[in-house]
Amino acid sequence: MIRYIIRRLLIAIPILLVGTFLSFVLVASLGDPLAELRSKPGVTEADVQALAQSLQLDRPIVARYWSWLTNFVQGDWGTSVALGSARADVYSVVTDALVVTAQLVIFAQVLALVLGVAVGVLAAVRQYSIFDYTATSLAFLAFSMPVFCVAIILKSYGIEFNNLLTSVGADRWLTTAGPPTGGFSGGFGEVVFKYTGTFLLPTLSLMLISFAAYSRFQRASMLETLHSDYVRTARAKGLSQGRVIFRHAFRNALIPVVTLAALNIGQVFTGAIMTEQVFGWNGMGSVLVNAVRQYDPNMLMGWLVVVAISVVVFNLVADVLYAYLDPRIRLG
């Protein structure tokens, strides 16, 4: 298993190198990061040229990439060149935002996987039942709604629900304008009350489409597995339905869902961008939007690299899970 993981890590290195180089070229070709600075009164061309030289903007693209890469692997991600946040450390900004977004993404993905797998298995076992038709209809409904639409709808209902609570003398529960800056304080019950109220709506917004995808893939995979020869053999031996499903069929039926979950991480980050904008979370979504709006190349590269590493890491986790779910993969 250790050699298997090392081999996958070695494969990931050239993928990251190619991905970061292409990203660097695309970001560098978007425009001049100092264009807004040039238009400011009192800024001379000498000032602009001095800043461009300090940021190595006057060097060839390959030399700039190599300089950026060597600094990046040493922990120096550069500084922001955007007006209003100039000289801000990219590493600090991106990692602080990643902590915020990671909480949302992890909760949403865990909830989507647990519910999606459970609903998919049950729909497959009870094929063509009322539950199966209901789950299918809800999944297609979730597929048809963009993330930002779901977020706006849930936020509107959350505000109405809070108004209902205050009208009967209760405290507002659902947070619709970002998590508290000072964290959660108070007793255990109060912390749980605030924590669930803060994460409930953004998590639901982000997990619905993933839940729909996981439930449909799990249902299709489970149906295929239940009709396989070794499952028929297990039933012919007189094993109970529960033992056939969870001991023989369930493990193999998980492999396509694990693949989808690993490939879905990029889409989840995209959904998190819109979800954070709707609910006022200062996470990776805000970093990307501000970096694009102000054309901050160093901040853009920091964001892109973090997302690329996340995708590679989740694919590595999926490879390890393949080896656990199907031991034959270890020999591949």
C-alpha atoms as a PDB file:
ATOM      1  CA  MET A   1       0.000   0.000   0.000  1.00  0.00           C
ATOM      2  CA  ILE A   2       2.840   2.422   0.840  1.00  0.00           C
ATOM      3  CA  ARG A   3       4.452   1.840  -2.560  1.00  0.00           C
ATOM      4  CA  TYR A   4       1.062   2.327  -4.188  1.00  0.00           C
ATOM      5  CA  ILE A   5       0.653   5.732  -2.490  1.00  0.00           C
ATOM      6  CA  ILE A   6       4.228   6.776  -3.344  1.00  0.00           C
ATOM      7  CA  ARG A   7       3.659   5.857  -6.995  1.00  0.00           C
ATOM      8  CA  ARG A   8       0.493   7.964  -7.097  1.00  0.00           C
ATOM      9  CA  LEU A   9       2.299  10.893  -5.477  1.00  0.00           C
ATOM     10  CA  LEU A  10       5.073  10.699  -8.066  1.00  0.00           C
ATOM     11  CA  ILE A  11       2.465  10.766 -10.825  1.00  0.00           C
ATOM     12  CA  ALA A  12       0.823  13.823  -9.219  1.00  0.00           C
ATOM     13  CA  ILE A  13       4.028  15.916  -9.287  1.00  0.00           C
ATOM     14  CA  PRO A  14       4.274  16.391 -13.096  1.00  0.00           C
ATOM     15  CA  ILE A  15       0.507  16.950 -13.228  1.00  0.00           C
ATOM     16  CA  LEU A  16       0.814  19.799 -10.736  1.00  0.00           C
ATOM     17  CA  LEU A  17       3.819  21.247 -12.569  1.00  0.00           C
ATOM     18  CA  VAL A  18       2.000  21.310 -15.908  1.00  0.00           C
ATOM     19  CA  GLY A  19      -1.169  22.639 -14.283  1.00  0.00           C
ATOM     20  CA  THR A  20       0.598  25.447 -12.434  1.00  0.00           C
ATOM     21  CA  PHE A  21       2.581  26.464 -15.531  1.00  0.00           C
ATOM     22  CA  LEU A  22      -0.548  26.674 -17.697  1.00  0.00           C
ATOM     23  CA  SER A  23      -2.343  28.577 -14.946  1.00  0.00           C
ATOM     24  CA  PHE A  24       0.580  30.977 -14.600  1.00  0.00           C
ATOM     25  CA  VAL A  25       0.626  31.659 -18.350  1.00  0.00           C
ATOM     26  CA  LEU A  26      -3.128  32.256 -18.457  1.00  0.00           C
ATOM     27  CA  VAL A  27      -3.075  34.550 -15.424  1.00  0.00           C
ATOM     28  CA  ALA A  28      -0.093  36.505 -16.783  1.00  0.00           C
ATOM     29  CA  SER A  29      -1.837  37.007 -20.149  1.00  0.00           C
ATOM     30  CA  LEU A  30      -4.996  38.502 -18.624  1.00  0.00           C
ATOM     31  CA  GLY A  31      -3.604  42.033 -18.526  1.00  0.00           C
ATOM     32  CA  ASP A  32      -1.447  44.487 -16.639  1.00  0.00           C
ATOM     33  CA  PRO A  33      -1.775  44.213 -12.838  1.00  0.00           C
ATOM     34  CA  LEU A  34      -0.455  47.771 -12.491  1.00  0.00           C
ATOM     35  CA  ALA A  35      -2.928  49.343 -14.933  1.00  0.00           C
ATOM     36  CA  GLU A  36      -5.111  50.758 -12.166  1.00  0.00           C
ATOM     37  CA  LEU A  37      -2.074  52.112 -10.377  1.00  0.00           C
ATOM     38  CA  ARG A  38      -0.994  53.999 -13.501  1.00  0.00           C
ATOM     39  CA  SER A  39      -4.282  55.916 -13.542  1.00  0.00           C
ATOM     40  CA  LYS A  40      -3.893  57.184  -9.977  1.00  0.00           C
ATOM     41  CA  PRO A  41      -2.943  60.857  -9.633  1.00  0.00           C
ATOM     42  CA  GLY A  42       0.510  61.505  -8.235  1.00  0.00           C
ATOM     43  CA  VAL A  43       1.920  58.159  -9.396  1.00  0.00           C
ATOM     44  CA  THR A  44       4.815  58.607 -11.801  1.00  0.00           C
ATOM     45  CA  GLU A  45       5.958  56.206 -14.451  1.00  0.00           C
ATOM     46  CA  ALA A  46       9.177  55.739 -12.501  1.00  0.00           C
ATOM     47  CA  ASP A  47       7.155  54.545  -9.495  1.00  0.00           C
ATOM     48  CA  VAL A  48       5.281  52.072 -11.675  1.00  0.00           C
ATOM     49  CA  GLN A  49       8.458  50.776 -13.287  1.00  0.00           C
ATOM     50  CA  ALA A  50      10.128  50.367  -9.898  1.00  0.00           C
ATOM     51  CA  LEU A  51       7.172  48.328  -8.616  1.00  0.00           C
ATOM     52  CA  ALA A  52       7.085  46.276 -11.825  1.00  0.00           C
ATOM     53  CA  GLN A  53      10.765  45.496 -11.425  1.00  0.00           C
ATOM     54  CA  SER A  54      10.321  44.500  -7.769  1.00  0.00           C
ATOM     55  CA  LEU A  55       7.483  42.169  -8.817  1.00  0.00           C
ATOM     56  CA  GLN A  56       9.577  40.807 -11.714  1.00  0.00           C
ATOM     57  CA  LEU A  57       6.924  41.805 -14.243  1.00  0.00           C
ATOM     58  CA  ASP A  58       9.647  42.907 -16.677  1.00  0.00           C
ATOM     59  CA  ARG A  59      11.120  39.407 -16.979  1.00  0.00           C
ATOM     60  CA  PRO A  60      10.173  36.677 -19.529  1.00  0.00           C
ATOM     61  CA  ILE A  61       7.213  34.471 -18.604  1.00  0.00           C
ATOM     62  CA  VAL A  62       9.300  31.301 -18.132  1.00  0.00           C
ATOM     63  CA  ALA A  63      11.755  33.066 -15.840  1.00  0.00           C
ATOM     64  CA  ARG A  64       8.879  34.553 -13.844  1.00  0.00           C
ATOM     65  CA  TYR A  65       7.267  31.140 -13.499  1.00  0.00           C
ATOM     66  CA  TRP A  66      10.482  29.519 -12.298  1.00  0.00           C
ATOM     67  CA  SER A  67      11.015  32.297  -9.763  1.00  0.00           C
ATOM     68  CA  TRP A  68       7.417  31.975  -8.569  1.00  0.00           C
ATOM     69  CA  LEU A  69       7.669  28.163  -8.327  1.00  0.00           C
ATOM     70  CA  THR A  70      10.915  28.157  -6.333  1.00  0.00           C
ATOM     71  CA  ASN A  71       9.525  30.748  -3.932  1.00  0.00           C
ATOM     72  CA  PHE A  72       6.216  28.914  -3.668  1.00  0.00           C
ATOM     73  CA  VAL A  73       7.741  25.604  -2.582  1.00  0.00           C
ATOM     74  CA  GLN A  74       9.671  27.507   0.078  1.00  0.00           C
ATOM     75  CA  GLY A  75       6.486  29.015   1.493  1.00  0.00           C
ATOM     76  CA  ASP A  76       6.757  32.432  -0.156  1.00  0.00           C
ATOM     77  CA  TRP A  77       3.575  32.840  -2.206  1.00  0.00           C
ATOM     78  CA  GLY A  78       4.196  36.482  -2.989  1.00  0.00           C
ATOM     79  CA  THR A  79       2.288  39.613  -2.028  1.00  0.00           C
ATOM     80  CA  SER A  80      -0.863  41.227  -3.331  1.00  0.00           C
ATOM     81  CA  VAL A  81      -0.557  44.022  -5.882  1.00  0.00           C
ATOM     82  CA  ALA A  82      -4.222  45.086  -5.679  1.00  0.00           C
ATOM     83  CA  LEU A  83      -4.906  48.613  -4.525  1.00  0.00           C
ATOM     84  CA  GLY A  84      -6.306  48.674  -1.015  1.00  0.00           C
ATOM     85  CA  SER A  85      -4.632  45.391  -0.089  1.00  0.00           C
ATOM     86  CA  ALA A  86      -1.178  45.980  -1.575  1.00  0.00           C
ATOM     87  CA  ARG A  87       1.667  44.035   0.033  1.00  0.00           C
ATOM     88  CA  ALA A  88      -0.784  41.697   1.775  1.00  0.00           C
ATOM     89  CA  ASP A  89       0.764  38.246   2.167  1.00  0.00           C
ATOM     90  CA  VAL A  90      -0.896  35.844  -0.268  1.00  0.00           C
ATOM     91  CA  TYR A  91      -0.188  32.783   1.882  1.00  0.00           C
ATOM     92  CA  SER A  92      -1.911  34.276   4.933  1.00  0.00           C
ATOM     93  CA  VAL A  93      -4.932  35.523   2.974  1.00  0.00           C
ATOM     94  CA  VAL A  94      -5.480  32.256   1.065  1.00  0.00           C
ATOM     95  CA  THR A  95      -4.927  29.917   4.018  1.00  0.00           C
ATOM     96  CA  ASP A  96      -7.235  31.937   6.270  1.00  0.00           C
ATOM     97  CA  ALA A  97      -9.894  31.827   3.571  1.00  0.00           C
ATOM     98  CA  LEU A  98      -9.275  28.104   3.009  1.00  0.00           C
ATOM     99  CA  VAL A  99     -10.039  27.358   6.666  1.00  0.00           C
ATOM    100  CA  VAL A 100     -13.423  29.062   6.287  1.00  0.00           C
ATOM    101  CA  THR A 101     -14.261  27.340   3.002  1.00  0.00           C
ATOM    102  CA  ALA A 102     -12.951  23.934   4.144  1.00  0.00           C
ATOM    103  CA  GLN A 103     -15.460  23.856   6.995  1.00  0.00           C
ATOM    104  CA  LEU A 104     -18.301  24.474   4.572  1.00  0.00           C
ATOM    105  CA  VAL A 105     -17.042  22.070   1.896  1.00  0.00           C
ATOM    106  CA  ILE A 106     -16.287  19.223   4.325  1.00  0.00           C
ATOM    107  CA  PHE A 107     -19.647  19.432   6.074  1.00  0.00           C
ATOM    108  CA  ALA A 108     -21.489  19.640   2.753  1.00  0.00           C
ATOM    109  CA  GLN A 109     -19.599  16.731   1.185  1.00  0.00           C
ATOM    110  CA  VAL A 110     -19.878  14.443   4.209  1.00  0.00           C
ATOM    111  CA  LEU A 111     -23.607  15.129   4.443  1.00  0.00           C
ATOM    112  CA  ALA A 112     -24.088  14.670   0.685  1.00  0.00           C
ATOM    113  CA  LEU A 113     -22.140  11.389   0.675  1.00  0.00           C
ATOM    114  CA  VAL A 114     -23.890   9.887   3.698  1.00  0.00           C
ATOM    115  CA  LEU A 115     -27.384  10.828   2.543  1.00  0.00           C
ATOM    116  CA  GLY A 116     -26.680  10.143  -1.138  1.00  0.00           C
ATOM    117  CA  VAL A 117     -25.280   6.656  -0.522  1.00  0.00           C
ATOM    118  CA  ALA A 118     -28.087   5.775   1.899  1.00  0.00           C
ATOM    119  CA  VAL A 119     -30.826   6.986  -0.442  1.00  0.00           C
ATOM    120  CA  GLY A 120     -29.180   5.347  -3.459  1.00  0.00           C
ATOM    121  CA  VAL A 121     -28.886   1.953  -1.766  1.00  0.00           C
ATOM    122  CA  LEU A 122     -32.447   2.076  -0.482  1.00  0.00           C
ATOM    123  CA  ALA A 123     -33.791   3.168  -3.882  1.00  0.00           C
ATOM    124  CA  ALA A 124     -31.958   0.281  -5.569  1.00  0.00           C
ATOM    125  CA  VAL A 125     -33.163  -2.293  -3.055  1.00  0.00           C
ATOM    126  CA  ARG A 126     -36.727  -0.958  -3.405  1.00  0.00           C
ATOM    127  CA  GLN A 127     -36.600  -0.440  -7.155  1.00  0.00           C
ATOM    128  CA  TYR A 128     -39.783   1.027  -8.717  1.00  0.00           C
ATOM    129  CA  SER A 129     -41.289   1.684  -5.292  1.00  0.00           C
ATOM    130  CA  ILE A 130     -42.798   4.990  -4.149  1.00  0.00           C
ATOM    131  CA  PHE A 131     -39.538   5.781  -2.355  1.00  0.00           C
ATOM    132  CA  ASP A 132     -37.547   5.132  -5.544  1.00  0.00           C
ATOM    133  CA  TYR A 133     -39.768   7.397  -7.647  1.00  0.00           C
ATOM    134  CA  THR A 134     -39.708  10.123  -4.973  1.00  0.00           C
ATOM    135  CA  ALA A 135     -35.921   9.991  -4.642  1.00  0.00           C
ATOM    136  CA  THR A 136     -35.532  10.114  -8.430  1.00  0.00           C
ATOM    137  CA  SER A 137     -37.847  13.119  -8.732  1.00  0.00           C
ATOM    138  CA  LEU A 138     -36.084  15.031  -5.952  1.00  0.00           C
ATOM    139  CA  ALA A 139     -32.684  14.240  -7.475  1.00  0.00           C
ATOM    140  CA  PHE A 140     -33.678  15.583 -10.888  1.00  0.00           C
ATOM    141  CA  LEU A 141     -35.190  18.664  -9.218  1.00  0.00           C
ATOM    142  CA  ALA A 142     -31.891  19.320  -7.410  1.00  0.00           C
ATOM    143  CA  PHE A 143     -29.968  18.783 -10.670  1.00  0.00           C
ATOM    144  CA  SER A 144     -32.078  21.400 -12.456  1.00  0.00           C
ATOM    145  CA  MET A 145     -31.428  24.202  -9.941  1.00  0.00           C
ATOM    146  CA  PRO A 146     -28.139  26.178  -9.973  1.00  0.00           C
ATOM    147  CA  VAL A 147     -26.315  26.493  -6.666  1.00  0.00           C
ATOM    148  CA  PHE A 148     -26.842  30.241  -6.404  1.00  0.00           C
ATOM    149  CA  CYS A 149     -30.602  29.784  -6.964  1.00  0.00           C
ATOM    150  CA  VAL A 150     -30.782  27.237  -4.149  1.00  0.00           C
ATOM    151  CA  ALA A 151     -28.740  29.539  -1.913  1.00  0.00           C
ATOM    152  CA  ILE A 152     -30.967  32.562  -2.578  1.00  0.00           C
ATOM    153  CA  ILE A 153     -34.143  30.558  -1.978  1.00  0.00           C
ATOM    154  CA  LEU A 154     -32.850  29.054   1.261  1.00  0.00           C
ATOM    155  CA  LYS A 155     -31.626  32.442   2.449  1.00  0.00           C
ATOM    156  CA  SER A 156     -35.042  33.988   1.794  1.00  0.00           C
ATOM    157  CA  TYR A 157     -36.803  31.222   3.724  1.00  0.00           C
ATOM    158  CA  GLY A 158     -34.187  31.502   6.471  1.00  0.00           C
ATOM    159  CA  ILE A 159     -34.942  35.200   6.915  1.00  0.00           C
ATOM    160  CA  GLU A 160     -38.672  34.492   7.045  1.00  0.00           C
ATOM    161  CA  PHE A 161     -38.091  31.727   9.596  1.00  0.00           C
ATOM    162  CA  ASN A 162     -36.031  34.058  11.775  1.00  0.00           C
ATOM    163  CA  ASN A 163     -38.770  36.675  11.586  1.00  0.00           C
ATOM    164  CA  LEU A 164     -41.254  34.034  12.702  1.00  0.00           C
ATOM    165  CA  LEU A 165     -39.060  33.132  15.662  1.00  0.00           C
ATOM    166  CA  THR A 166     -38.696  36.763  16.759  1.00  0.00           C
ATOM    167  CA  SER A 167     -42.451  37.309  16.415  1.00  0.00           C
ATOM    168  CA  VAL A 168     -43.088  34.657  19.074  1.00  0.00           C
ATOM    169  CA  GLY A 169     -40.348  35.968  21.359  1.00  0.00           C
ATOM    170  CA  ALA A 170     -37.653  33.404  20.468  1.00  0.00           C
ATOM    171  CA  ASP A 171     -34.056  34.113  19.433  1.00  0.00           C
ATOM    172  CA  ARG A 172     -33.041  34.193  15.788  1.00  0.00           C
ATOM    173  CA  TRP A 173     -31.470  30.860  14.845  1.00  0.00           C
ATOM    174  CA  LEU A 174     -30.401  30.808  11.197  1.00  0.00           C
ATOM    175  CA  THR A 175     -27.439  32.991  10.234  1.00  0.00           C
ATOM    176  CA  THR A 176     -27.823  34.539   6.776  1.00  0.00           C
ATOM    177  CA  ALA A 177     -24.956  37.073   6.786  1.00  0.00           C
ATOM    178  CA  GLY A 178     -21.744  35.167   7.444  1.00  0.00           C
ATOM    179  CA  PRO A 179     -20.318  33.379  10.501  1.00  0.00           C
ATOM    180  CA  PRO A 180     -19.482  35.393  13.638  1.00  0.00           C
ATOM    181  CA  THR A 181     -15.992  36.911  13.522  1.00  0.00           C
ATOM    182  CA  GLY A 182     -15.291  36.124  17.173  1.00  0.00           C
ATOM    183  CA  GLY A 183     -16.242  32.461  16.959  1.00  0.00           C
ATOM    184  CA  PHE A 184     -18.828  30.709  19.108  1.00  0.00           C
ATOM    185  CA  SER A 185     -19.008  31.316  22.843  1.00  0.00           C
ATOM    186  CA  GLY A 186     -21.280  30.255  25.706  1.00  0.00           C
ATOM    187  CA  GLY A 187     -22.370  26.931  27.118  1.00  0.00           C
ATOM    188  CA  PHE A 188     -22.482  23.674  25.151  1.00  0.00           C
ATOM    189  CA  GLY A 189     -26.131  24.042  24.186  1.00  0.00           C
ATOM    190  CA  GLU A 190     -25.666  27.657  23.127  1.00  0.00           C
ATOM    191  CA  VAL A 191     -22.622  26.796  21.031  1.00  0.00           C
ATOM    192  CA  VAL A 192     -24.501  23.968  19.274  1.00  0.00           C
ATOM    193  CA  PHE A 193     -27.436  26.330  18.686  1.00  0.00           C
ATOM    194  CA  LYS A 194     -25.198  28.977  17.075  1.00  0.00           C
ATOM    195  CA  TYR A 195     -23.045  26.470  15.193  1.00  0.00           C
ATOM    196  CA  THR A 196     -25.941  24.668  13.537  1.00  0.00           C
ATOM    197  CA  GLY A 197     -27.713  27.925  12.768  1.00  0.00           C
ATOM    198  CA  THR A 198     -24.585  29.298  11.082  1.00  0.00           C
ATOM    199  CA  PHE A 199     -23.764  26.268   8.924  1.00  0.00           C
ATOM    200  CA  LEU A 200     -27.208  24.866   8.122  1.00  0.00           C
ATOM    201  CA  LEU A 201     -28.268  27.021   5.165  1.00  0.00           C
ATOM    202  CA  PRO A 202     -24.869  27.287   3.360  1.00  0.00           C
ATOM    203  CA  THR A 203     -24.270  23.564   3.850  1.00  0.00           C
ATOM    204  CA  LEU A 204     -27.677  22.632   2.449  1.00  0.00           C
ATOM    205  CA  SER A 205     -27.149  24.957  -0.510  1.00  0.00           C
ATOM    206  CA  LEU A 206     -23.814  23.371  -1.364  1.00  0.00           C
ATOM    207  CA  MET A 207     -24.738  19.731  -0.755  1.00  0.00           C
ATOM    208  CA  LEU A 208     -28.015  19.410  -2.688  1.00  0.00           C
ATOM    209  CA  ILE A 209     -26.554  18.959  -6.178  1.00  0.00           C
ATOM    210  CA  SER A 210     -23.815  16.641  -4.898  1.00  0.00           C
ATOM    211  CA  PHE A 211     -26.416  14.649  -2.972  1.00  0.00           C
ATOM    212  CA  ALA A 212     -28.478  14.242  -6.141  1.00  0.00           C
ATOM    213  CA  ALA A 213     -25.461  13.018  -8.113  1.00  0.00           C
ATOM    214  CA  TYR A 214     -24.288  10.601  -5.421  1.00  0.00           C
ATOM    215  CA  SER A 215     -27.750   9.118  -4.912  1.00  0.00           C
ATOM    216  CA  ARG A 216     -28.237   8.476  -8.649  1.00  0.00           C
ATOM    217  CA  PHE A 217     -24.768   6.964  -9.120  1.00  0.00           C
ATOM    218  CA  GLN A 218     -25.164   4.819  -6.015  1.00  0.00           C
ATOM    219  CA  ARG A 219     -28.554   3.566  -7.159  1.00  0.00           C
ATOM    220  CA  ALA A 220     -27.261   2.646 -10.639  1.00  0.00           C
ATOM    221  CA  SER A 221     -24.118   0.993  -9.257  1.00  0.00           C
ATOM    222  CA  MET A 222     -26.078  -0.904  -6.606  1.00  0.00           C
ATOM    223  CA  LEU A 223     -28.581  -2.203  -9.165  1.00  0.00           C
ATOM    224  CA  GLU A 224     -25.750  -3.446 -11.390  1.00  0.00           C
ATOM    225  CA  THR A 225     -24.052  -5.128  -8.438  1.00  0.00           C
ATOM    226  CA  LEU A 226     -27.265  -6.758  -7.195  1.00  0.00           C
ATOM    227  CA  HIS A 227     -27.704  -8.427 -10.609  1.00  0.00           C
ATOM    228  CA  SER A 228     -24.141  -9.763 -10.748  1.00  0.00           C
ATOM    229  CA  ASP A 229     -23.358 -13.464 -10.611  1.00  0.00           C
ATOM    230  CA  TYR A 230     -21.638 -13.513  -7.220  1.00  0.00           C
ATOM    231  CA  VAL A 231     -24.621 -11.804  -5.574  1.00  0.00           C
ATOM    232  CA  ARG A 232     -26.986 -14.362  -7.136  1.00  0.00           C
ATOM    233  CA  THR A 233     -24.694 -17.091  -5.782  1.00  0.00           C
ATOM    234  CA  ALA A 234     -24.807 -15.576  -2.293  1.00  0.00           C
ATOM    235  CA  ARG A 235     -28.596 -15.528  -2.416  1.00  0.00           C
ATOM    236  CA  ALA A 236     -28.681 -19.102  -3.691  1.00  0.00           C
ATOM    237  CA  LYS A 237     -26.664 -20.161  -0.649  1.00  0.00           C
ATOM    238  CA  GLY A 238     -29.486 -18.891   1.551  1.00  0.00           C
ATOM    239  CA  LEU A 239     -27.843 -15.755   2.931  1.00  0.00           C
ATOM    240  CA  SER A 240     -30.166 -13.124   4.333  1.00  0.00           C
ATOM    241  CA  GLN A 241     -31.024 -10.015   2.305  1.00  0.00           C
ATOM    242  CA  GLY A 242     -29.152  -7.736   4.704  1.00  0.00           C
ATOM    243  CA  ARG A 243     -26.007  -9.874   4.568  1.00  0.00           C
ATOM    244  CA  VAL A 244     -26.123 -10.016   0.775  1.00  0.00           C
ATOM    245  CA  ILE A 245     -26.500  -6.243   0.489  1.00  0.00           C
ATOM    246  CA  PHE A 246     -24.046  -5.002   3.090  1.00  0.00           C
ATOM    247  CA  ARG A 247     -21.479  -7.824   3.096  1.00  0.00           C
ATOM    248  CA  HIS A 248     -21.267  -8.626  -0.623  1.00  0.00           C
ATOM    249  CA  ALA A 249     -22.861  -5.892  -2.765  1.00  0.00           C
ATOM    250  CA  PHE A 250     -22.422  -2.602  -0.924  1.00  0.00           C
ATOM    251  CA  ARG A 251     -18.617  -2.484  -0.914  1.00  0.00           C
ATOM    252  CA  ASN A 252     -18.195  -2.974  -4.668  1.00  0.00           C
ATOM    253  CA  ALA A 253     -21.078  -0.629  -5.432  1.00  0.00           C
ATOM    254  CA  LEU A 254     -19.250   2.211  -3.651  1.00  0.00           C
ATOM    255  CA  ILE A 255     -16.385   2.418  -6.175  1.00  0.00           C
ATOM    256  CA  PRO A 256     -18.186   4.607  -8.791  1.00  0.00           C
ATOM    257  CA  VAL A 257     -19.398   6.954  -6.046  1.00  0.00           C
ATOM    258  CA  VAL A 258     -15.857   7.299  -4.675  1.00  0.00           C
ATOM    259  CA  THR A 259     -14.691   8.213  -8.193  1.00  0.00           C
ATOM    260  CA  LEU A 260     -17.441  10.812  -8.548  1.00  0.00           C
ATOM    261  CA  ALA A 261     -16.746  12.305  -5.114  1.00  0.00           C
ATOM    262  CA  ALA A 262     -13.047  12.738  -5.949  1.00  0.00           C
ATOM    263  CA  LEU A 263     -13.754  14.319  -9.332  1.00  0.00           C
ATOM    264  CA  ASN A 264     -16.480  16.493  -7.826  1.00  0.00           C
ATOM    265  CA  ILE A 265     -14.191  18.488  -5.530  1.00  0.00           C
ATOM    266  CA  GLY A 266     -13.500  21.116  -8.204  1.00  0.00           C
ATOM    267  CA  GLN A 267     -17.223  21.618  -8.770  1.00  0.00           C
ATOM    268  CA  VAL A 268     -17.759  21.892  -5.014  1.00  0.00           C
ATOM    269  CA  PHE A 269     -15.218  24.719  -4.822  1.00  0.00           C
ATOM    270  CA  THR A 270     -17.066  26.437  -7.681  1.00  0.00           C
ATOM    271  CA  GLY A 271     -20.341  26.067  -5.828  1.00  0.00           C
ATOM    272  CA  ALA A 272     -18.690  27.365  -2.662  1.00  0.00           C
ATOM    273  CA  ILE A 273     -17.772  30.590  -4.486  1.00  0.00           C
ATOM    274  CA  MET A 274     -21.424  31.387  -5.180  1.00  0.00           C
ATOM    275  CA  THR A 275     -22.666  30.103  -1.836  1.00  0.00           C
ATOM    276  CA  GLU A 276     -20.188  32.273   0.063  1.00  0.00           C
ATOM    277  CA  GLN A 277     -21.210  35.334  -1.931  1.00  0.00           C
ATOM    278  CA  VAL A 278     -24.890  34.813  -1.124  1.00  0.00           C
ATOM    279  CA  PHE A 279     -24.356  34.156   2.591  1.00  0.00           C
ATOM    280  CA  GLY A 280     -21.526  36.645   3.131  1.00  0.00           C
ATOM    281  CA  TRP A 281     -18.746  34.195   4.004  1.00  0.00           C
ATOM    282  CA  ASN A 282     -15.190  35.526   3.650  1.00  0.00           C
ATOM    283  CA  GLY A 283     -13.689  32.357   2.258  1.00  0.00           C
ATOM    284  CA  MET A 284     -12.058  31.226  -0.967  1.00  0.00           C
ATOM    285  CA  GLY A 285     -14.978  32.590  -2.967  1.00  0.00           C
ATOM    286  CA  SER A 286     -14.348  36.138  -1.758  1.00  0.00           C
ATOM    287  CA  VAL A 287     -10.617  35.773  -2.412  1.00  0.00           C
ATOM    288  CA  LEU A 288     -11.244  34.680  -6.015  1.00  0.00           C
ATOM    289  CA  VAL A 289     -13.869  37.340  -6.731  1.00  0.00           C
ATOM    290  CA  ASN A 290     -11.671  40.138  -5.360  1.00  0.00           C
ATOM    291  CA  ALA A 291      -8.586  38.824  -7.161  1.00  0.00           C
ATOM    292  CA  VAL A 292     -10.408  38.685 -10.501  1.00  0.00           C
ATOM    293  CA  ARG A 293     -12.092  42.060 -10.012  1.00  0.00           C
ATOM    294  CA  GLN A 294      -8.824  43.798  -9.131  1.00  0.00           C
ATOM    295  CA  TYR A 295      -6.640  41.547 -11.310  1.00  0.00           C
ATOM    296  CA  ASP A 296      -4.278  40.403  -8.609  1.00  0.00           C
ATOM    297  CA  PRO A 297      -2.089  37.710 -10.295  1.00  0.00           C
ATOM    298  CA  ASN A 298      -0.317  36.510  -7.153  1.00  0.00           C
ATOM    299  CA  MET A 299      -3.606  36.062  -5.318  1.00  0.00           C
ATOM    300  CA  LEU A 300      -5.118  34.302  -8.339  1.00  0.00           C
ATOM    301  CA  MET A 301      -2.183  31.888  -8.511  1.00  0.00           C
ATOM    302  CA  GLY A 302      -2.439  31.164  -4.799  1.00  0.00           C
ATOM    303  CA  TRP A 303      -6.132  30.358  -5.188  1.00  0.00           C
ATOM    304  CA  LEU A 304      -5.639  28.196  -8.285  1.00  0.00           C
ATOM    305  CA  VAL A 305      -2.780  26.204  -6.769  1.00  0.00           C
ATOM    306  CA  VAL A 306      -4.714  25.480  -3.577  1.00  0.00           C
ATOM    307  CA  VAL A 307      -7.672  24.206  -5.603  1.00  0.00           C
ATOM    308  CA  ALA A 308      -5.372  22.136  -7.849  1.00  0.00           C
ATOM    309  CA  ILE A 309      -3.641  20.567  -4.847  1.00  0.00           C
ATOM    310  CA  SER A 310      -7.031  19.835  -3.287  1.00  0.00           C
ATOM    311  CA  VAL A 311      -8.164  18.033  -6.449  1.00  0.00           C
ATOM    312  CA  VAL A 312      -4.955  15.983  -6.576  1.00  0.00           C
ATOM    313  CA  VAL A 313      -5.181  15.105  -2.873  1.00  0.00           C
ATOM    314  CA  PHE A 314      -8.792  13.992  -3.150  1.00  0.00           C
ATOM    315  CA  ASN A 315      -7.959  11.871  -6.182  1.00  0.00           C
ATOM    316  CA  LEU A 316      -5.133  10.285  -4.180  1.00  0.00           C
ATOM    317  CA  VAL A 317      -7.583   9.550  -1.367  1.00  0.00           C
ATOM    318  CA  ALA A 318      -9.902   7.990  -3.953  1.00  0.00           C
ATOM    319  CA  ASP A 319      -7.065   5.787  -5.239  1.00  0.00           C
ATOM    320  CA  VAL A 320      -6.351   4.592  -1.698  1.00  0.00           C
ATOM    321  CA  LEU A 321     -10.033   3.875  -1.140  1.00  0.00           C
ATOM    322  CA  TYR A 322     -10.095   1.870  -4.384  1.00  0.00           C
ATOM    323  CA  ALA A 323      -7.347  -0.321  -2.993  1.00  0.00           C
ATOM    324  CA  TYR A 324      -9.343  -0.797   0.206  1.00  0.00           C
ATOM    325  CA  LEU A 325     -12.654  -1.509  -1.524  1.00  0.00           C
ATOM    326  CA  ASP A 326     -11.101  -3.789  -4.165  1.00  0.00           C
ATOM    327  CA  PRO A 327      -7.771  -5.376  -3.023  1.00  0.00           C
ATOM    328  CA  ARG A 328      -6.999  -6.447  -6.582  1.00  0.00           C
ATOM    329  CA  ILE A 329      -6.203  -2.796  -7.441  1.00  0.00           C
ATOM    330  CA  ARG A 330      -3.120  -2.961  -5.211  1.00  0.00           C
ATOM    331  CA  LEU A 331      -1.476  -5.241  -7.727  1.00  0.00           C
ATOM    332  CA  GLY A 332      -2.129  -2.834 -10.624  1.00  0.00           C
END
